[in-house]
Amino acid sequence: MKTFMEKPENVERKWFVVDATNMPLGRLASQVADMLSGKNKPNYTPHVDTGDHVIVLNSDKVILTGKKLTQKMLRHHTGYAGGLKEMDYKTVMATKSDVAVLHAVKGMLPKNSLGRKMYNRLRVYKDANHKHEAQQPVAVALKGVRN
């Protein structure tokens, strides 16, 4: 029996919509990263980009557990000396929650050219409105929603 290897030209990409209401950030990011990389499909091949397009809605309603709102920091460096910029997640979630979700998902994707292609298929919106109705996305319920 031979091992099946998917070819890039045979990959069928679908569009999925995920509602992030009352989802912990890490659980949301790990499940979205699996959908972007294609690990939820039976034809997953590690060296081929078999993932789908994912639209994440309601990023303002994502929750962080424990003391992460006050203790966890979002850091980036400008490239200049002394250019480390830090912002706590309380401020991030209040002002740009979509960036927090993008950052969490990006950290769970491969750090190579394949991961960058996967990351380009992710769209995050702060509310329930999106502009991708023409692609006929399918709503997906993720595991781990808090009440």
Protein backbone atom coordinates (compact mmCIF):
# COMPACT_ATOMS: atom_id res chain seq x y z
CA MET A 1 0.00 0.00 0.00
CA LYS A 2 1.34 3.42 -0.97
CA THR A 3 1.20 6.59 1.07
CA PHE A 4 -1.08 9.23 -0.43
CA MET A 5 0.53 12.61 -1.13
CA GLU A 6 -1.73 15.49 -2.12
CA LYS A 7 -0.66 17.60 -5.08
CA PRO A 8 -0.98 21.41 -4.84
CA GLU A 9 -3.05 21.64 -8.01
CA ASN A 10 -5.67 19.18 -6.64
CA VAL A 11 -6.38 21.03 -3.39
CA GLU A 12 -9.97 22.23 -2.99
CA ARG A 13 -10.29 25.24 -0.71
CA LYS A 14 -13.50 25.99 1.15
CA TRP A 15 -14.55 29.05 3.15
CA PHE A 16 -15.51 28.75 6.81
CA VAL A 17 -16.98 31.26 9.27
CA VAL A 18 -16.12 30.97 12.96
CA ASP A 19 -17.94 32.87 15.70
CA ALA A 20 -15.45 33.77 18.44
CA THR A 21 -18.04 34.77 21.04
CA ASN A 22 -17.08 33.48 24.53
CA MET A 23 -14.12 31.48 23.17
CA PRO A 24 -10.79 31.50 25.02
CA LEU A 25 -8.15 33.04 22.75
CA GLY A 26 -5.80 30.04 22.75
CA ARG A 27 -8.50 27.47 22.00
CA LEU A 28 -9.81 29.61 19.17
CA ALA A 29 -6.34 30.14 17.71
CA SER A 30 -5.35 26.46 17.79
CA GLN A 31 -8.53 25.31 16.05
CA VAL A 32 -8.34 28.06 13.42
CA ALA A 33 -4.66 27.22 12.78
CA ASP A 34 -5.64 23.58 12.17
CA MET A 35 -8.25 24.70 9.63
CA LEU A 36 -5.76 27.02 7.88
CA SER A 37 -3.12 24.28 7.63
CA GLY A 38 -5.57 21.57 6.58
CA LYS A 39 -4.95 19.28 9.55
CA ASN A 40 -8.69 18.73 9.89
CA LYS A 41 -8.86 17.11 6.44
CA PRO A 42 -8.21 13.45 5.58
CA ASN A 43 -5.90 14.45 2.69
CA TYR A 44 -3.50 16.48 4.90
CA THR A 45 0.04 16.47 3.57
CA PRO A 46 2.71 18.29 5.63
CA HIS A 47 4.64 19.76 2.70
CA VAL A 48 1.56 20.89 0.74
CA ASP A 49 -0.73 23.76 1.68
CA THR A 50 -4.08 21.92 1.95
CA GLY A 51 -5.87 24.42 4.22
CA ASP A 52 -9.02 26.46 3.80
CA HIS A 53 -10.05 30.12 4.12
CA VAL A 54 -11.26 31.09 7.60
CA ILE A 55 -13.29 34.14 8.63
CA VAL A 56 -13.34 34.89 12.38
CA LEU A 57 -16.21 37.07 13.58
CA ASN A 58 -16.79 38.88 16.90
CA SER A 59 -13.16 39.13 17.96
CA ASP A 60 -14.26 41.74 20.54
CA LYS A 61 -16.02 38.95 22.46
CA VAL A 62 -12.97 36.67 22.80
CA ILE A 63 -12.08 36.00 26.43
CA LEU A 64 -8.76 35.54 28.19
CA THR A 65 -8.69 33.33 31.27
CA GLY A 66 -6.91 33.91 34.55
CA LYS A 67 -4.83 37.09 34.92
CA LYS A 68 -3.83 37.29 31.27
CA LEU A 69 -5.65 40.58 30.72
CA THR A 70 -3.31 42.39 33.10
CA GLN A 71 -0.13 40.28 33.00
CA LYS A 72 0.20 39.17 29.35
CA MET A 73 1.89 41.66 27.03
CA LEU A 74 1.79 42.08 23.26
CA ARG A 75 5.33 42.98 22.20
CA HIS A 76 6.88 44.02 18.90
CA HIS A 77 10.12 45.71 17.96
CA THR A 78 10.38 48.59 15.53
CA GLY A 79 13.89 47.67 14.42
CA TYR A 80 15.48 50.74 15.97
CA ALA A 81 17.58 50.79 19.12
CA GLY A 82 15.30 50.82 22.15
CA GLY A 83 12.31 50.22 19.90
CA LEU A 84 10.54 47.56 21.95
CA LYS A 85 6.83 48.39 22.11
CA GLU A 86 4.67 46.71 24.78
CA MET A 87 0.94 46.80 25.38
CA ASP A 88 -1.02 44.78 27.94
CA TYR A 89 -3.87 42.65 26.66
CA LYS A 90 -6.49 44.70 28.50
CA THR A 91 -5.64 47.62 26.19
CA VAL A 92 -5.24 45.36 23.15
CA MET A 93 -8.64 43.72 23.62
CA ALA A 94 -10.30 47.11 24.16
CA THR A 95 -8.76 48.81 21.11
CA LYS A 96 -7.68 46.21 18.54
CA SER A 97 -8.95 42.76 19.42
CA ASP A 98 -8.57 41.60 15.82
CA VAL A 99 -4.79 42.07 16.12
CA ALA A 100 -4.76 39.86 19.23
CA VAL A 101 -6.50 37.04 17.36
CA LEU A 102 -4.24 37.44 14.31
CA HIS A 103 -1.14 37.37 16.53
CA ALA A 104 -2.31 34.25 18.38
CA VAL A 105 -3.09 32.33 15.18
CA LYS A 106 0.16 33.41 13.50
CA GLY A 107 2.12 32.03 16.43
CA MET A 108 0.54 28.60 15.90
CA LEU A 109 1.33 28.35 12.19
CA PRO A 110 4.60 27.06 10.71
CA LYS A 111 7.41 29.62 10.55
CA ASN A 112 8.18 29.22 6.83
CA SER A 113 6.80 30.17 3.42
CA LEU A 114 3.98 27.64 3.79
CA GLY A 115 2.89 29.26 7.06
CA ARG A 116 2.88 32.71 5.45
CA LYS A 117 0.55 31.44 2.69
CA MET A 118 -1.75 29.94 5.31
CA TYR A 119 -1.79 33.19 7.29
CA ASN A 120 -2.90 35.14 4.20
CA ARG A 121 -6.15 33.11 4.13
CA LEU A 122 -7.25 34.33 7.57
CA ARG A 123 -9.70 37.21 7.97
CA VAL A 124 -10.68 38.59 11.38
CA TYR A 125 -13.49 41.05 12.07
CA LYS A 126 -14.43 42.77 15.34
CA ASP A 127 -18.19 42.37 14.82
CA ALA A 128 -20.54 39.98 13.03
CA ASN A 129 -20.37 41.75 9.64
CA HIS A 130 -18.06 40.59 6.86
CA LYS A 131 -17.82 41.16 3.11
CA HIS A 132 -17.32 37.57 1.92
CA GLU A 133 -20.91 36.48 1.25
CA ALA A 134 -20.03 35.85 -2.41
CA GLN A 135 -17.74 32.98 -1.38
CA GLN A 136 -20.68 31.27 0.43
CA PRO A 137 -18.81 30.48 3.66
CA VAL A 138 -20.03 27.65 5.87
CA ALA A 139 -20.53 28.32 9.58
CA VAL A 140 -18.45 26.07 11.84
CA ALA A 141 -18.98 25.53 15.57
CA LEU A 142 -15.70 25.16 17.46
CA LYS A 143 -15.09 23.25 20.68
CA GLY A 144 -14.47 25.06 23.95
CA VAL A 145 -17.09 27.82 24.03
CA ARG A 146 -17.57 29.17 27.56
CA ASN A 147 -21.01 30.02 28.95
